[in-house]
Amino acid sequence: MTWFEWSEALSYVVTIFGLPLAILVFMIEQRRQRQNEEEEIYQRLSDEYTAFLKLVLANPDLQLLRKQATLEPLTDEQSERKLAIFSILVSLFERAYLLVYEEKMDKQTKRLWQSWEDYMREWCRRKDFRGALPELLKGEDEDFREHIRKLAEAEAAKGG
């Protein structure tokens, strides 16, 4: 075989094996990159929720970490702070919904979403939070509004 025949045979081998291998490697890298991006989004959202909880801790007079709302009436200033904190929370929940929630989720995305839905359910158990939702949801994404309303109704039905 001449040098030309060898190079031609080698080009066939590269075409038959190398090209599919390159495509496979590319697809694996794309999948890995998507997964890393999803985890980065989840981590940023988690950091924001942690910052939110620090805000809640900085306002202990509102008693937002208690499972039930306080029975004592709040001052106008306290009510305004509470509404502002609830507004921040709803905004964070909407961001999580828009970035993570999908109708059909793979196992990883479902796992990430489930923790956010747990947070939403936990807050929807609070009567004061549910009472503020109609005002807080004005102007929010329609699908998100419907989703959190269903969660709030389900938690209210459970007696939360």
N, C-alpha and C. Protein backbone atom coordinates (compact mmCIF):
# COMPACT_ATOMS: atom_id res chain seq x y z
N MET A 1 0.84 -1.19 0.00
CA MET A 1 0.00 0.00 0.00
C MET A 1 0.88 1.25 0.00
N THR A 2 0.43 2.20 -0.76
CA THR A 2 1.18 3.44 -0.85
C THR A 2 0.76 4.36 0.30
N TRP A 3 1.54 5.42 0.43
CA TRP A 3 1.26 6.40 1.48
C TRP A 3 -0.14 6.99 1.29
N PHE A 4 -0.52 7.25 0.08
CA PHE A 4 -1.84 7.80 -0.23
C PHE A 4 -2.94 6.84 0.19
N GLU A 5 -2.77 5.57 -0.08
CA GLU A 5 -3.78 4.57 0.30
C GLU A 5 -3.89 4.47 1.81
N TRP A 6 -2.73 4.53 2.49
CA TRP A 6 -2.73 4.50 3.96
C TRP A 6 -3.48 5.70 4.54
N SER A 7 -3.21 6.86 4.02
CA SER A 7 -3.89 8.07 4.54
C SER A 7 -5.38 8.03 4.24
N GLU A 8 -5.74 7.47 3.08
CA GLU A 8 -7.15 7.35 2.75
C GLU A 8 -7.83 6.36 3.70
N ALA A 9 -7.20 5.24 4.00
CA ALA A 9 -7.75 4.25 4.92
C ALA A 9 -7.86 4.85 6.33
N LEU A 10 -6.85 5.59 6.72
CA LEU A 10 -6.89 6.25 8.02
C LEU A 10 -8.02 7.27 8.11
N SER A 11 -8.26 8.01 7.03
CA SER A 11 -9.35 8.99 7.04
C SER A 11 -10.70 8.28 7.20
N TYR A 12 -10.86 7.10 6.63
CA TYR A 12 -12.10 6.34 6.80
C TYR A 12 -12.26 5.90 8.26
N VAL A 13 -11.17 5.44 8.85
CA VAL A 13 -11.20 5.01 10.25
C VAL A 13 -11.60 6.19 11.14
N VAL A 14 -10.98 7.35 10.90
CA VAL A 14 -11.31 8.54 11.67
C VAL A 14 -12.78 8.91 11.48
N THR A 15 -13.25 8.86 10.26
CA THR A 15 -14.64 9.21 9.97
C THR A 15 -15.60 8.24 10.65
N ILE A 16 -15.29 6.95 10.57
CA ILE A 16 -16.19 5.94 11.11
C ILE A 16 -16.19 5.95 12.64
N PHE A 17 -15.01 6.08 13.26
CA PHE A 17 -14.93 5.99 14.72
C PHE A 17 -14.75 7.35 15.40
N GLY A 18 -13.95 8.20 14.83
CA GLY A 18 -13.61 9.47 15.48
C GLY A 18 -14.77 10.45 15.54
N LEU A 19 -15.49 10.58 14.45
CA LEU A 19 -16.59 11.53 14.41
C LEU A 19 -17.69 11.15 15.41
N PRO A 20 -18.16 9.91 15.44
CA PRO A 20 -19.17 9.55 16.45
C PRO A 20 -18.64 9.72 17.88
N LEU A 21 -17.36 9.40 18.08
CA LEU A 21 -16.78 9.56 19.41
C LEU A 21 -16.75 11.04 19.79
N ALA A 22 -16.38 11.90 18.86
CA ALA A 22 -16.36 13.34 19.12
C ALA A 22 -17.76 13.86 19.45
N ILE A 23 -18.76 13.38 18.73
CA ILE A 23 -20.15 13.79 18.99
C ILE A 23 -20.58 13.32 20.38
N LEU A 24 -20.22 12.08 20.73
CA LEU A 24 -20.56 11.54 22.04
C LEU A 24 -19.90 12.35 23.15
N VAL A 25 -18.63 12.65 23.00
CA VAL A 25 -17.92 13.45 24.01
C VAL A 25 -18.56 14.83 24.13
N PHE A 26 -18.92 15.43 23.00
CA PHE A 26 -19.58 16.74 23.02
C PHE A 26 -20.90 16.67 23.78
N MET A 27 -21.70 15.65 23.51
CA MET A 27 -22.99 15.50 24.18
C MET A 27 -22.82 15.30 25.68
N ILE A 28 -21.85 14.51 26.08
CA ILE A 28 -21.58 14.29 27.51
C ILE A 28 -21.17 15.59 28.17
N GLU A 29 -20.33 16.35 27.53
CA GLU A 29 -19.89 17.64 28.07
C GLU A 29 -21.05 18.62 28.19
N GLN A 30 -21.93 18.64 27.19
CA GLN A 30 -23.09 19.52 27.23
C GLN A 30 -23.99 19.16 28.39
N ARG A 31 -24.23 17.87 28.59
CA ARG A 31 -25.07 17.41 29.70
C ARG A 31 -24.45 17.79 31.03
N ARG A 32 -23.16 17.60 31.16
CA ARG A 32 -22.44 17.94 32.39
C ARG A 32 -22.52 19.45 32.64
N GLN A 33 -22.37 20.24 31.60
CA GLN A 33 -22.43 21.68 31.73
C GLN A 33 -23.83 22.12 32.17
N ARG A 34 -24.88 21.53 31.58
CA ARG A 34 -26.25 21.85 31.98
C ARG A 34 -26.49 21.51 33.44
N GLN A 35 -25.99 20.35 33.86
CA GLN A 35 -26.16 19.95 35.25
C GLN A 35 -25.44 20.92 36.19
N ASN A 36 -24.24 21.33 35.81
CA ASN A 36 -23.51 22.30 36.63
C ASN A 36 -24.24 23.63 36.72
N GLU A 37 -24.83 24.06 35.60
CA GLU A 37 -25.60 25.31 35.60
C GLU A 37 -26.82 25.20 36.50
N GLU A 38 -27.51 24.05 36.45
CA GLU A 38 -28.67 23.85 37.32
C GLU A 38 -28.27 23.87 38.78
N GLU A 39 -27.17 23.23 39.11
CA GLU A 39 -26.70 23.21 40.49
C GLU A 39 -26.26 24.60 40.94
N GLU A 40 -25.67 25.37 40.03
CA GLU A 40 -25.27 26.74 40.36
C GLU A 40 -26.49 27.61 40.63
N ILE A 41 -27.53 27.46 39.82
CA ILE A 41 -28.77 28.20 40.03
C ILE A 41 -29.35 27.83 41.39
N TYR A 42 -29.40 26.54 41.68
CA TYR A 42 -29.95 26.09 42.95
C TYR A 42 -29.13 26.64 44.11
N GLN A 43 -27.81 26.66 43.98
CA GLN A 43 -26.96 27.17 45.06
C GLN A 43 -27.19 28.66 45.28
N ARG A 44 -27.32 29.42 44.20
CA ARG A 44 -27.59 30.86 44.34
C ARG A 44 -28.94 31.09 45.02
N LEU A 45 -29.95 30.31 44.62
CA LEU A 45 -31.26 30.44 45.26
C LEU A 45 -31.19 30.06 46.74
N SER A 46 -30.44 29.03 47.05
CA SER A 46 -30.28 28.62 48.45
C SER A 46 -29.60 29.71 49.26
N ASP A 47 -28.60 30.34 48.66
CA ASP A 47 -27.92 31.45 49.33
C ASP A 47 -28.88 32.61 49.59
N GLU A 48 -29.76 32.87 48.62
CA GLU A 48 -30.74 33.93 48.79
C GLU A 48 -31.74 33.58 49.90
N TYR A 49 -32.11 32.31 49.99
CA TYR A 49 -33.04 31.90 51.05
C TYR A 49 -32.35 32.02 52.41
N THR A 50 -31.08 31.69 52.46
CA THR A 50 -30.32 31.84 53.71
C THR A 50 -30.28 33.32 54.10
N ALA A 51 -30.05 34.20 53.15
CA ALA A 51 -30.05 35.65 53.42
C ALA A 51 -31.44 36.08 53.91
N PHE A 52 -32.48 35.50 53.32
CA PHE A 52 -33.83 35.82 53.75
C PHE A 52 -34.03 35.41 55.21
N LEU A 53 -33.57 34.22 55.57
CA LEU A 53 -33.71 33.76 56.95
C LEU A 53 -32.94 34.65 57.93
N LYS A 54 -31.81 35.18 57.48
CA LYS A 54 -31.07 36.13 58.32
C LYS A 54 -31.91 37.39 58.55
N LEU A 55 -32.62 37.82 57.52
CA LEU A 55 -33.52 38.96 57.65
C LEU A 55 -34.62 38.65 58.66
N VAL A 56 -35.16 37.45 58.59
CA VAL A 56 -36.19 37.03 59.54
C VAL A 56 -35.62 37.04 60.96
N LEU A 57 -34.41 36.54 61.13
CA LEU A 57 -33.77 36.53 62.45
C LEU A 57 -33.51 37.94 62.96
N ALA A 58 -33.28 38.86 62.06
CA ALA A 58 -33.02 40.25 62.45
C ALA A 58 -34.30 40.97 62.88
N ASN A 59 -35.43 40.33 62.70
CA ASN A 59 -36.73 40.90 63.07
C ASN A 59 -37.50 39.95 63.99
N PRO A 60 -36.93 39.63 65.15
CA PRO A 60 -37.58 38.64 66.02
C PRO A 60 -38.93 39.08 66.57
N ASP A 61 -39.18 40.40 66.64
CA ASP A 61 -40.45 40.87 67.17
C ASP A 61 -41.63 40.47 66.28
N LEU A 62 -41.35 40.09 65.02
CA LEU A 62 -42.42 39.67 64.11
C LEU A 62 -42.77 38.19 64.28
N GLN A 63 -41.92 37.47 64.99
CA GLN A 63 -42.12 36.05 65.31
C GLN A 63 -42.41 35.22 64.07
N LEU A 64 -41.59 35.41 63.04
CA LEU A 64 -41.81 34.71 61.77
C LEU A 64 -41.27 33.28 61.76
N LEU A 65 -40.45 32.94 62.72
CA LEU A 65 -39.94 31.57 62.75
C LEU A 65 -40.84 30.62 63.52
N ARG A 66 -41.84 31.17 64.17
CA ARG A 66 -42.80 30.32 64.87
C ARG A 66 -43.72 29.68 63.85
N LYS A 67 -44.19 28.50 64.15
CA LYS A 67 -45.08 27.79 63.23
C LYS A 67 -46.41 28.51 63.05
N GLN A 68 -46.88 29.12 64.10
CA GLN A 68 -48.15 29.85 64.04
C GLN A 68 -47.88 31.35 64.19
N ALA A 69 -48.73 32.13 63.60
CA ALA A 69 -48.60 33.58 63.71
C ALA A 69 -48.89 34.00 65.15
N THR A 70 -48.32 35.11 65.53
CA THR A 70 -48.52 35.62 66.88
C THR A 70 -49.98 36.04 67.10
N LEU A 71 -50.43 35.88 68.31
CA LEU A 71 -51.80 36.29 68.64
C LEU A 71 -51.85 37.76 69.01
N GLU A 72 -50.70 38.32 69.36
CA GLU A 72 -50.64 39.72 69.74
C GLU A 72 -50.75 40.59 68.49
N PRO A 73 -51.55 41.66 68.56
CA PRO A 73 -51.64 42.54 67.39
C PRO A 73 -50.31 43.25 67.15
N LEU A 74 -50.01 43.45 65.88
CA LEU A 74 -48.78 44.13 65.51
C LEU A 74 -49.03 45.62 65.34
N THR A 75 -47.99 46.39 65.58
CA THR A 75 -48.08 47.83 65.32
C THR A 75 -48.10 48.04 63.81
N ASP A 76 -48.42 49.24 63.38
CA ASP A 76 -48.41 49.54 61.94
C ASP A 76 -47.02 49.31 61.35
N GLU A 77 -46.00 49.72 62.09
CA GLU A 77 -44.62 49.56 61.62
C GLU A 77 -44.26 48.08 61.50
N GLN A 78 -44.66 47.27 62.47
CA GLN A 78 -44.39 45.84 62.43
C GLN A 78 -45.15 45.19 61.26
N SER A 79 -46.38 45.58 61.07
CA SER A 79 -47.18 45.03 59.97
C SER A 79 -46.54 45.36 58.62
N GLU A 80 -46.03 46.56 58.51
CA GLU A 80 -45.38 46.97 57.26
C GLU A 80 -44.09 46.16 57.02
N ARG A 81 -43.31 45.97 58.08
CA ARG A 81 -42.09 45.16 57.94
C ARG A 81 -42.42 43.72 57.59
N LYS A 82 -43.45 43.19 58.22
CA LYS A 82 -43.85 41.81 57.95
C LYS A 82 -44.29 41.66 56.50
N LEU A 83 -45.07 42.60 55.99
CA LEU A 83 -45.51 42.56 54.60
C LEU A 83 -44.32 42.66 53.65
N ALA A 84 -43.36 43.51 53.99
CA ALA A 84 -42.15 43.65 53.16
C ALA A 84 -41.36 42.35 53.15
N ILE A 85 -41.24 41.71 54.30
CA ILE A 85 -40.52 40.44 54.38
C ILE A 85 -41.25 39.36 53.60
N PHE A 86 -42.56 39.31 53.72
CA PHE A 86 -43.34 38.36 52.93
C PHE A 86 -43.19 38.63 51.44
N SER A 87 -43.12 39.89 51.06
CA SER A 87 -42.93 40.26 49.66
C SER A 87 -41.59 39.75 49.13
N ILE A 88 -40.55 39.89 49.92
CA ILE A 88 -39.23 39.37 49.54
C ILE A 88 -39.31 37.86 49.37
N LEU A 89 -40.00 37.21 50.28
CA LEU A 89 -40.13 35.75 50.22
C LEU A 89 -40.88 35.31 48.97
N VAL A 90 -41.97 35.96 48.65
CA VAL A 90 -42.75 35.60 47.46
C VAL A 90 -41.90 35.82 46.21
N SER A 91 -41.15 36.89 46.19
CA SER A 91 -40.26 37.16 45.06
C SER A 91 -39.22 36.05 44.90
N LEU A 92 -38.68 35.60 46.00
CA LEU A 92 -37.71 34.50 45.98
C LEU A 92 -38.37 33.20 45.51
N PHE A 93 -39.56 32.94 46.00
CA PHE A 93 -40.29 31.74 45.56
C PHE A 93 -40.59 31.79 44.07
N GLU A 94 -40.98 32.97 43.58
CA GLU A 94 -41.27 33.09 42.16
C GLU A 94 -40.00 32.84 41.33
N ARG A 95 -38.89 33.39 41.77
CA ARG A 95 -37.63 33.19 41.06
C ARG A 95 -37.28 31.70 41.01
N ALA A 96 -37.45 31.02 42.15
CA ALA A 96 -37.18 29.58 42.19
C ALA A 96 -38.11 28.84 41.24
N TYR A 97 -39.38 29.23 41.22
CA TYR A 97 -40.35 28.59 40.34
C TYR A 97 -39.94 28.76 38.88
N LEU A 98 -39.60 29.98 38.51
CA LEU A 98 -39.26 30.26 37.12
C LEU A 98 -37.96 29.59 36.69
N LEU A 99 -37.02 29.44 37.60
CA LEU A 99 -35.71 28.89 37.24
C LEU A 99 -35.62 27.37 37.39
N VAL A 100 -36.42 26.80 38.27
CA VAL A 100 -36.26 25.36 38.56
C VAL A 100 -37.45 24.53 38.10
N TYR A 101 -38.67 25.02 38.29
CA TYR A 101 -39.86 24.21 38.03
C TYR A 101 -40.05 23.94 36.55
N GLU A 102 -40.41 22.70 36.25
CA GLU A 102 -40.76 22.28 34.89
C GLU A 102 -41.92 21.29 35.01
N GLU A 103 -42.75 21.24 34.00
CA GLU A 103 -43.86 20.28 34.01
C GLU A 103 -43.34 18.85 34.10
N LYS A 104 -42.37 18.53 33.25
CA LYS A 104 -41.75 17.21 33.26
C LYS A 104 -40.30 17.38 33.70
N MET A 105 -40.01 16.89 34.91
CA MET A 105 -38.68 17.08 35.48
C MET A 105 -37.93 15.75 35.52
N ASP A 106 -36.64 15.84 35.28
CA ASP A 106 -35.82 14.65 35.49
C ASP A 106 -35.59 14.50 37.00
N LYS A 107 -34.97 13.42 37.39
CA LYS A 107 -34.81 13.11 38.81
C LYS A 107 -34.06 14.21 39.55
N GLN A 108 -33.00 14.72 38.97
CA GLN A 108 -32.19 15.76 39.60
C GLN A 108 -32.99 17.05 39.78
N THR A 109 -33.67 17.49 38.74
CA THR A 109 -34.45 18.73 38.81
C THR A 109 -35.58 18.57 39.82
N LYS A 110 -36.21 17.41 39.82
CA LYS A 110 -37.30 17.16 40.77
C LYS A 110 -36.80 17.24 42.20
N ARG A 111 -35.61 16.71 42.44
CA ARG A 111 -35.01 16.76 43.77
C ARG A 111 -34.76 18.21 44.18
N LEU A 112 -34.23 19.01 43.27
CA LEU A 112 -33.97 20.42 43.55
C LEU A 112 -35.28 21.17 43.80
N TRP A 113 -36.29 20.89 42.97
CA TRP A 113 -37.56 21.59 43.11
C TRP A 113 -38.26 21.21 44.41
N GLN A 114 -38.18 19.97 44.81
CA GLN A 114 -38.92 19.50 45.98
C GLN A 114 -38.56 20.30 47.23
N SER A 115 -37.30 20.67 47.39
CA SER A 115 -36.94 21.45 48.57
C SER A 115 -37.60 22.82 48.54
N TRP A 116 -37.73 23.42 47.35
CA TRP A 116 -38.41 24.71 47.25
C TRP A 116 -39.90 24.58 47.53
N GLU A 117 -40.48 23.51 47.03
CA GLU A 117 -41.90 23.32 47.31
C GLU A 117 -42.13 23.09 48.80
N ASP A 118 -41.20 22.42 49.46
CA ASP A 118 -41.29 22.24 50.91
C ASP A 118 -41.26 23.59 51.63
N TYR A 119 -40.36 24.49 51.20
CA TYR A 119 -40.31 25.83 51.80
C TYR A 119 -41.64 26.55 51.59
N MET A 120 -42.17 26.45 50.38
CA MET A 120 -43.43 27.13 50.08
C MET A 120 -44.56 26.58 50.94
N ARG A 121 -44.62 25.28 51.06
CA ARG A 121 -45.66 24.66 51.89
C ARG A 121 -45.51 25.10 53.35
N GLU A 122 -44.29 25.14 53.83
CA GLU A 122 -44.05 25.54 55.21
C GLU A 122 -44.59 26.94 55.47
N TRP A 123 -44.32 27.87 54.57
CA TRP A 123 -44.81 29.24 54.76
C TRP A 123 -46.31 29.32 54.52
N CYS A 124 -46.83 28.52 53.62
CA CYS A 124 -48.28 28.54 53.35
C CYS A 124 -49.09 27.96 54.50
N ARG A 125 -48.45 27.28 55.43
CA ARG A 125 -49.14 26.79 56.62
C ARG A 125 -49.51 27.95 57.55
N ARG A 126 -48.80 29.05 57.40
CA ARG A 126 -49.05 30.22 58.25
C ARG A 126 -50.27 30.98 57.73
N LYS A 127 -51.22 31.18 58.61
CA LYS A 127 -52.44 31.89 58.23
C LYS A 127 -52.14 33.32 57.80
N ASP A 128 -51.20 33.98 58.48
CA ASP A 128 -50.89 35.37 58.14
C ASP A 128 -50.24 35.47 56.75
N PHE A 129 -49.43 34.48 56.39
CA PHE A 129 -48.82 34.47 55.06
C PHE A 129 -49.89 34.24 53.99
N ARG A 130 -50.76 33.26 54.23
CA ARG A 130 -51.84 33.00 53.27
C ARG A 130 -52.74 34.22 53.12
N GLY A 131 -52.99 34.92 54.22
CA GLY A 131 -53.83 36.10 54.17
C GLY A 131 -53.21 37.23 53.35
N ALA A 132 -51.88 37.28 53.34
CA ALA A 132 -51.19 38.34 52.59
C ALA A 132 -51.00 37.98 51.12
N LEU A 133 -51.14 36.71 50.77
CA LEU A 133 -50.86 36.27 49.40
C LEU A 133 -51.62 37.02 48.31
N PRO A 134 -52.92 37.26 48.45
CA PRO A 134 -53.61 37.97 47.35
C PRO A 134 -52.93 39.29 46.99
N GLU A 135 -52.52 40.04 48.00
CA GLU A 135 -51.84 41.31 47.74
C GLU A 135 -50.44 41.07 47.18
N LEU A 136 -49.74 40.08 47.71
CA LEU A 136 -48.36 39.82 47.31
C LEU A 136 -48.24 39.26 45.90
N LEU A 137 -49.27 38.59 45.43
CA LEU A 137 -49.19 37.92 44.14
C LEU A 137 -49.59 38.81 42.96
N LYS A 138 -49.98 40.03 43.24
CA LYS A 138 -50.34 40.95 42.15
C LYS A 138 -49.10 41.21 41.30
N GLY A 139 -49.25 40.99 40.00
CA GLY A 139 -48.15 41.26 39.07
C GLY A 139 -47.14 40.13 38.94
N GLU A 140 -47.32 39.06 39.67
CA GLU A 140 -46.39 37.93 39.59
C GLU A 140 -46.76 37.04 38.40
N ASP A 141 -45.86 36.14 38.04
CA ASP A 141 -46.09 35.21 36.94
C ASP A 141 -47.37 34.42 37.19
N GLU A 142 -48.20 34.31 36.16
CA GLU A 142 -49.51 33.66 36.29
C GLU A 142 -49.40 32.20 36.73
N ASP A 143 -48.49 31.45 36.12
CA ASP A 143 -48.33 30.04 36.49
C ASP A 143 -47.86 29.90 37.94
N PHE A 144 -46.95 30.79 38.33
CA PHE A 144 -46.49 30.77 39.72
C PHE A 144 -47.63 31.08 40.68
N ARG A 145 -48.42 32.11 40.35
CA ARG A 145 -49.55 32.47 41.20
C ARG A 145 -50.47 31.27 41.40
N GLU A 146 -50.77 30.60 40.31
CA GLU A 146 -51.67 29.44 40.40
C GLU A 146 -51.04 28.33 41.25
N HIS A 147 -49.77 28.11 41.07
CA HIS A 147 -49.08 27.04 41.81
C HIS A 147 -49.10 27.32 43.32
N ILE A 148 -48.72 28.53 43.71
CA ILE A 148 -48.64 28.81 45.15
C ILE A 148 -50.04 28.91 45.76
N ARG A 149 -51.01 29.34 44.98
CA ARG A 149 -52.40 29.36 45.49
C ARG A 149 -52.86 27.93 45.81
N LYS A 150 -52.55 27.00 44.90
CA LYS A 150 -52.93 25.61 45.16
C LYS A 150 -52.25 25.07 46.41
N LEU A 151 -50.97 25.40 46.58
CA LEU A 151 -50.26 24.97 47.78
C LEU A 151 -50.91 25.57 49.03
N ALA A 152 -51.24 26.86 48.97
CA ALA A 152 -51.85 27.54 50.12
C ALA A 152 -53.21 26.92 50.45
N GLU A 153 -53.98 26.63 49.42
CA GLU A 153 -55.29 26.00 49.65
C GLU A 153 -55.13 24.62 50.27
N ALA A 154 -54.16 23.86 49.78
CA ALA A 154 -53.93 22.52 50.32
C ALA A 154 -53.49 22.58 51.77
N GLU A 155 -52.63 23.54 52.09
CA GLU A 155 -52.17 23.67 53.48
C GLU A 155 -53.27 24.18 54.39
N ALA A 156 -54.11 25.06 53.88
CA ALA A 156 -55.24 25.55 54.67
C ALA A 156 -56.21 24.41 54.96
N ALA A 157 -56.42 23.55 53.97
CA ALA A 157 -57.33 22.41 54.14
C ALA A 157 -56.80 21.41 55.17
N LYS A 158 -55.48 21.34 55.27
CA LYS A 158 -54.86 20.45 56.26
C LYS A 158 -55.00 21.02 57.67
N GLY A 159 -55.40 22.27 57.74
CA GLY A 159 -55.56 22.90 59.06
C GLY A 159 -54.36 23.71 59.47
N GLY A 160 -53.49 24.07 58.50
CA GLY A 160 -52.30 24.86 58.82
C GLY A 160 -52.62 26.29 59.07
